[in-house]
C-alpha atoms as a PDB file:
ATOM      1  CA  MET A   1     -28.858 -97.784  -9.480  1.00  0.00           C
ATOM      2  CA  ASP A   2     -26.561 -96.800 -12.585  1.00  0.00           C
ATOM      3  CA  VAL A   3     -23.619 -98.927 -12.331  1.00  0.00           C
ATOM      4  CA  LEU A   4     -21.562 -96.687 -14.040  1.00  0.00           C
ATOM      5  CA  GLU A   5     -22.402 -93.740 -12.328  1.00  0.00           C
ATOM      6  CA  ARG A   6     -19.124 -94.208  -9.682  1.00  0.00           C
ATOM      7  CA  PRO A   7     -17.132 -96.692 -11.906  1.00  0.00           C
ATOM      8  CA  GLY A   8     -14.446 -98.596  -8.964  1.00  0.00           C
ATOM      9  CA  ARG A   9     -15.638 -96.714  -5.716  1.00  0.00           C
ATOM     10  CA  GLN A  10     -19.274 -98.888  -6.157  1.00  0.00           C
ATOM     11  CA  ASP A  11     -20.177-102.611  -5.472  1.00  0.00           C
ATOM     12  CA  LEU A  12     -20.929-104.717  -8.509  1.00  0.00           C
ATOM     13  CA  THR A  13     -20.674-108.093  -6.928  1.00  0.00           C
ATOM     14  CA  ALA A  14     -22.837-110.387  -7.626  1.00  0.00           C
ATOM     15  CA  SER A  15     -23.521-114.878  -7.253  1.00  0.00           C
ATOM     16  CA  VAL A  16     -22.740-116.335 -10.728  1.00  0.00           C
ATOM     17  CA  ASP A  17     -22.617-119.844 -12.421  1.00  0.00           C
ATOM     18  CA  PHE A  18     -19.791-120.380 -13.739  1.00  0.00           C
ATOM     19  CA  ALA A  19     -20.368-123.672 -15.168  1.00  0.00           C
ATOM     20  CA  ALA A  20     -23.571-122.028 -16.960  1.00  0.00           C
ATOM     21  CA  LEU A  21     -21.695-119.330 -18.004  1.00  0.00           C
ATOM     22  CA  VAL A  22     -19.298-121.620 -19.789  1.00  0.00           C
ATOM     23  CA  ALA A  23     -21.655-123.280 -21.442  1.00  0.00           C
ATOM     24  CA  GLU A  24     -23.754-120.810 -22.559  1.00  0.00           C
ATOM     25  CA  GLY A  25     -20.654-119.498 -23.771  1.00  0.00           C
ATOM     26  CA  ARG A  26     -19.832-122.445 -26.137  1.00  0.00           C
ATOM     27  CA  LEU A  27     -23.215-122.545 -27.745  1.00  0.00           C
ATOM     28  CA  HIS A  28     -22.710-119.115 -28.910  1.00  0.00           C
ATOM     29  CA  GLY A  29     -18.923-119.763 -30.042  1.00  0.00           C
ATOM     30  CA  LEU A  30     -16.870-118.748 -27.194  1.00  0.00           C
ATOM     31  CA  HIS A  31     -14.483-120.851 -25.214  1.00  0.00           C
ATOM     32  CA  GLU A  32     -13.199-120.435 -22.137  1.00  0.00           C
ATOM     33  CA  ALA A  33      -9.700-118.911 -22.053  1.00  0.00           C
ATOM     34  CA  SER A  34      -9.283-118.451 -18.292  1.00  0.00           C
ATOM     35  CA  TYR A  35     -10.438-119.633 -15.138  1.00  0.00           C
ATOM     36  CA  GLN A  36      -8.904-118.535 -11.679  1.00  0.00           C
ATOM     37  CA  THR A  37      -9.035-116.690  -8.437  1.00  0.00           C
ATOM     38  CA  LEU A  38      -9.097-112.832  -8.763  1.00  0.00           C
ATOM     39  CA  GLY A  39      -6.023-112.230  -7.591  1.00  0.00           C
ATOM     40  CA  ARG A  40      -4.173-114.339  -9.537  1.00  0.00           C
ATOM     41  CA  PHE A  41      -5.898-112.793 -12.444  1.00  0.00           C
ATOM     42  CA  LEU A  42      -5.094-108.971 -11.436  1.00  0.00           C
ATOM     43  CA  LEU A  43      -1.350-110.488 -10.342  1.00  0.00           C
ATOM     44  CA  ASP A  44      -1.103-111.841 -14.082  1.00  0.00           C
ATOM     45  CA  ARG A  45      -1.768-108.606 -15.831  1.00  0.00           C
ATOM     46  CA  GLY A  46       0.524-106.732 -13.733  1.00  0.00           C
ATOM     47  CA  VAL A  47      -0.941-104.597 -10.946  1.00  0.00           C
ATOM     48  CA  LEU A  48       1.833-104.782  -9.054  1.00  0.00           C
ATOM     49  CA  ALA A  49       3.632-102.491 -11.080  1.00  0.00           C
ATOM     50  CA  ARG A  50       0.392 -99.904 -10.977  1.00  0.00           C
ATOM     51  CA  LEU A  51       1.355 -99.609  -7.157  1.00  0.00           C
ATOM     52  CA  PRO A  52       1.333 -96.304  -6.262  1.00  0.00           C
ATOM     53  CA  GLU A  53       4.641 -95.116  -5.021  1.00  0.00           C
ATOM     54  CA  GLY A  54       5.560 -92.503  -2.508  1.00  0.00           C
ATOM     55  CA  GLN A  55       4.449 -92.461   1.505  1.00  0.00           C
ATOM     56  CA  GLY A  56       1.242 -90.153   1.846  1.00  0.00           C
ATOM     57  CA  ALA A  57      -1.892 -91.096   2.853  1.00  0.00           C
ATOM     58  CA  ALA A  58      -3.231 -91.139  -0.567  1.00  0.00           C
ATOM     59  CA  ALA A  59      -0.992 -93.868  -1.473  1.00  0.00           C
ATOM     60  CA  TYR A  60      -0.942 -95.925   1.238  1.00  0.00           C
ATOM     61  CA  ALA A  61      -4.746 -95.685   1.207  1.00  0.00           C
ATOM     62  CA  GLU A  62      -4.787 -97.124  -2.708  1.00  0.00           C
ATOM     63  CA  ARG A  63      -1.915 -99.624  -1.768  1.00  0.00           C
ATOM     64  CA  ASN A  64      -4.229-100.630   1.150  1.00  0.00           C
ATOM     65  CA  ARG A  65      -7.559-100.752  -1.401  1.00  0.00           C
ATOM     66  CA  ILE A  66      -5.053-103.348  -4.149  1.00  0.00           C
ATOM     67  CA  LYS A  67      -3.791-105.812  -1.072  1.00  0.00           C
ATOM     68  CA  THR A  68      -7.408-106.337  -0.687  1.00  0.00           C
ATOM     69  CA  LEU A  69      -8.624-107.283  -3.929  1.00  0.00           C
ATOM     70  CA  LEU A  70      -5.014-109.503  -4.029  1.00  0.00           C
ATOM     71  CA  HIS A  71      -5.308-110.990   0.103  1.00  0.00           C
ATOM     72  CA  PRO A  72      -5.977-114.735   0.122  1.00  0.00           C
ATOM     73  CA  GLY A  73      -8.692-114.460   2.860  1.00  0.00           C
ATOM     74  CA  GLY A  74     -10.300-111.237   1.289  1.00  0.00           C
ATOM     75  CA  MET A  75     -11.242-110.981  -2.086  1.00  0.00           C
ATOM     76  CA  GLY A  76      -8.175-112.579  -3.450  1.00  0.00           C
ATOM     77  CA  GLU A  77      -9.287-116.524  -3.357  1.00  0.00           C
ATOM     78  CA  ALA A  78     -13.068-116.279  -3.055  1.00  0.00           C
ATOM     79  CA  PHE A  79     -13.638-113.879  -5.888  1.00  0.00           C
ATOM     80  CA  LYS A  80     -13.291-116.372  -9.309  1.00  0.00           C
ATOM     81  CA  VAL A  81     -12.604-114.327 -12.544  1.00  0.00           C
ATOM     82  CA  LEU A  82     -14.435-116.076 -16.149  1.00  0.00           C
ATOM     83  CA  VAL A  83     -12.630-114.860 -19.504  1.00  0.00           C
ATOM     84  CA  GLN A  84     -14.261-116.089 -22.790  1.00  0.00           C
ATOM     85  CA  GLU A  85     -12.857-116.204 -26.292  1.00  0.00           C
ATOM     86  CA  LYS A  86     -14.013-116.147 -29.940  1.00  0.00           C
ATOM     87  CA  ARG A  87     -11.975-118.628 -31.073  1.00  0.00           C
ATOM     88  CA  PRO A  88     -11.223-117.455 -35.134  1.00  0.00           C
END
């Protein structure tokens, strides 16, 4: 499977041991900049400003796709995001 074949249109999810990632990152000079739910991560980065406007079917469908990423009963709470950074 080519993971870049259909960006944004195919499932790339996997179970991840975040503690192991943090530990490995520290070995390589990284620190944990953020670890939060997918919903909070997207909201903090302005996803709501990117919601399509309008009443058409395409806009409605896109808003529903984004809602799936944010909703606490869906991916919004179940999925986590880890951001690691290298300190200067």
